[in-house]
Amino acid sequence: MDAIQQHMLDTYRAAQLSEPAPPPPGRHDRAGLRDLYRHWLTHPPHPARPAFEDGTLGPGPGPLDGGPDMSSPSGA
């Protein structure tokens, strides 16, 4: 079931229960992304904080960190 079908079902149920209709899908996407971006700006990642829940820091150093360049198949 896609988002439009789910919205149609939710709208039907709301009408049957005399409740207000739900907002259409995607209506709050822009505001949600804007809030997430503002949070990211005010709470930047900290180098001492692990990137993953298990404590690992991620895939390792990349080309910007002095590691191998993964843009070419040979890594050179």
C-alpha atoms as a PDB file:
ATOM      1  CA  MET A   1       0.000   0.000   0.000  1.00  0.00           C
ATOM      2  CA  ASP A   2       1.455   3.352  -0.957  1.00  0.00           C
ATOM      3  CA  ALA A   3       1.073   6.677   0.854  1.00  0.00           C
ATOM      4  CA  ILE A   4      -1.904   7.853  -1.215  1.00  0.00           C
ATOM      5  CA  GLN A   5      -3.844   4.635  -0.591  1.00  0.00           C
ATOM      6  CA  GLN A   6      -3.077   4.843   3.136  1.00  0.00           C
ATOM      7  CA  HIS A   7      -4.253   8.459   3.178  1.00  0.00           C
ATOM      8  CA  MET A   8      -7.489   7.512   1.426  1.00  0.00           C
ATOM      9  CA  LEU A   9      -8.101   4.735   3.969  1.00  0.00           C
ATOM     10  CA  ASP A  10      -7.340   7.060   6.900  1.00  0.00           C
ATOM     11  CA  THR A  11      -9.658   9.719   5.443  1.00  0.00           C
ATOM     12  CA  TYR A  12     -12.463   7.155   5.088  1.00  0.00           C
ATOM     13  CA  ARG A  13     -11.987   5.954   8.673  1.00  0.00           C
ATOM     14  CA  ALA A  14     -11.974   9.530   9.962  1.00  0.00           C
ATOM     15  CA  ALA A  15     -15.220  10.250   8.090  1.00  0.00           C
ATOM     16  CA  GLN A  16     -16.837   7.117   9.539  1.00  0.00           C
ATOM     17  CA  LEU A  17     -15.815   8.145  13.071  1.00  0.00           C
ATOM     18  CA  SER A  18     -16.741  11.841  12.575  1.00  0.00           C
ATOM     19  CA  GLU A  19     -13.128  12.886  13.169  1.00  0.00           C
ATOM     20  CA  PRO A  20     -11.101  15.481  11.259  1.00  0.00           C
ATOM     21  CA  ALA A  21      -9.351  14.205   8.149  1.00  0.00           C
ATOM     22  CA  PRO A  22      -5.592  13.600   8.386  1.00  0.00           C
ATOM     23  CA  PRO A  23      -3.216  15.915   6.515  1.00  0.00           C
ATOM     24  CA  PRO A  24      -2.243  14.777   3.027  1.00  0.00           C
ATOM     25  CA  PRO A  25       1.038  12.852   2.695  1.00  0.00           C
ATOM     26  CA  GLY A  26       4.100  15.029   2.332  1.00  0.00           C
ATOM     27  CA  ARG A  27       2.460  18.121   3.793  1.00  0.00           C
ATOM     28  CA  HIS A  28       4.944  18.458   6.659  1.00  0.00           C
ATOM     29  CA  ASP A  29       8.030  17.107   4.868  1.00  0.00           C
ATOM     30  CA  ARG A  30       9.603  20.494   4.236  1.00  0.00           C
ATOM     31  CA  ALA A  31       9.123  21.650   7.835  1.00  0.00           C
ATOM     32  CA  GLY A  32      10.514  18.358   9.139  1.00  0.00           C
ATOM     33  CA  LEU A  33      13.613  18.600   6.972  1.00  0.00           C
ATOM     34  CA  ARG A  34      14.067  22.252   7.946  1.00  0.00           C
ATOM     35  CA  ASP A  35      13.902  21.332  11.655  1.00  0.00           C
ATOM     36  CA  LEU A  36      16.350  18.480  11.143  1.00  0.00           C
ATOM     37  CA  TYR A  37      18.760  20.798   9.307  1.00  0.00           C
ATOM     38  CA  ARG A  38      18.530  23.418  12.081  1.00  0.00           C
ATOM     39  CA  HIS A  39      19.202  20.728  14.681  1.00  0.00           C
ATOM     40  CA  TRP A  40      22.195  19.550  12.674  1.00  0.00           C
ATOM     41  CA  LEU A  41      23.524  23.122  12.536  1.00  0.00           C
ATOM     42  CA  THR A  42      23.128  23.678  16.274  1.00  0.00           C
ATOM     43  CA  HIS A  43      24.334  20.196  17.302  1.00  0.00           C
ATOM     44  CA  PRO A  44      27.255  19.315  15.005  1.00  0.00           C
ATOM     45  CA  PRO A  45      28.834  15.866  15.330  1.00  0.00           C
ATOM     46  CA  HIS A  46      31.598  15.723  17.888  1.00  0.00           C
ATOM     47  CA  PRO A  47      34.839  13.852  17.111  1.00  0.00           C
ATOM     48  CA  ALA A  48      34.833  12.067  20.487  1.00  0.00           C
ATOM     49  CA  ARG A  49      31.250  10.859  20.043  1.00  0.00           C
ATOM     50  CA  PRO A  50      30.969   7.554  18.151  1.00  0.00           C
ATOM     51  CA  ALA A  51      29.040   7.601  14.894  1.00  0.00           C
ATOM     52  CA  PHE A  52      27.340   4.256  15.533  1.00  0.00           C
ATOM     53  CA  GLU A  53      25.593   2.771  18.557  1.00  0.00           C
ATOM     54  CA  ASP A  54      28.116  -0.057  18.882  1.00  0.00           C
ATOM     55  CA  GLY A  55      30.914   2.454  19.456  1.00  0.00           C
ATOM     56  CA  THR A  56      32.646   2.135  16.102  1.00  0.00           C
ATOM     57  CA  LEU A  57      33.582   5.301  14.295  1.00  0.00           C
ATOM     58  CA  GLY A  58      32.480   4.231  10.842  1.00  0.00           C
ATOM     59  CA  PRO A  59      34.140   2.856   7.720  1.00  0.00           C
ATOM     60  CA  GLY A  60      37.549   4.358   8.427  1.00  0.00           C
ATOM     61  CA  PRO A  61      39.588   7.183   6.959  1.00  0.00           C
ATOM     62  CA  GLY A  62      38.611   8.392   3.528  1.00  0.00           C
ATOM     63  CA  PRO A  63      40.377  10.504   0.906  1.00  0.00           C
ATOM     64  CA  LEU A  64      39.798  13.722   2.883  1.00  0.00           C
ATOM     65  CA  ASP A  65      41.337  12.169   6.004  1.00  0.00           C
ATOM     66  CA  GLY A  66      44.510  11.048   4.253  1.00  0.00           C
ATOM     67  CA  GLY A  67      43.187   7.551   3.563  1.00  0.00           C
ATOM     68  CA  PRO A  68      42.884   5.765   0.226  1.00  0.00           C
ATOM     69  CA  ASP A  69      40.917   7.430  -2.546  1.00  0.00           C
ATOM     70  CA  MET A  70      37.906   5.222  -3.302  1.00  0.00           C
ATOM     71  CA  SER A  71      36.833   7.131  -6.414  1.00  0.00           C
ATOM     72  CA  SER A  72      38.925   4.933  -8.690  1.00  0.00           C
ATOM     73  CA  PRO A  73      38.803   1.109  -8.785  1.00  0.00           C
ATOM     74  CA  SER A  74      42.513   0.810  -8.060  1.00  0.00           C
ATOM     75  CA  GLY A  75      42.292   3.076  -5.014  1.00  0.00           C
ATOM     76  CA  ALA A  76      45.075   5.261  -6.352  1.00  0.00           C
END
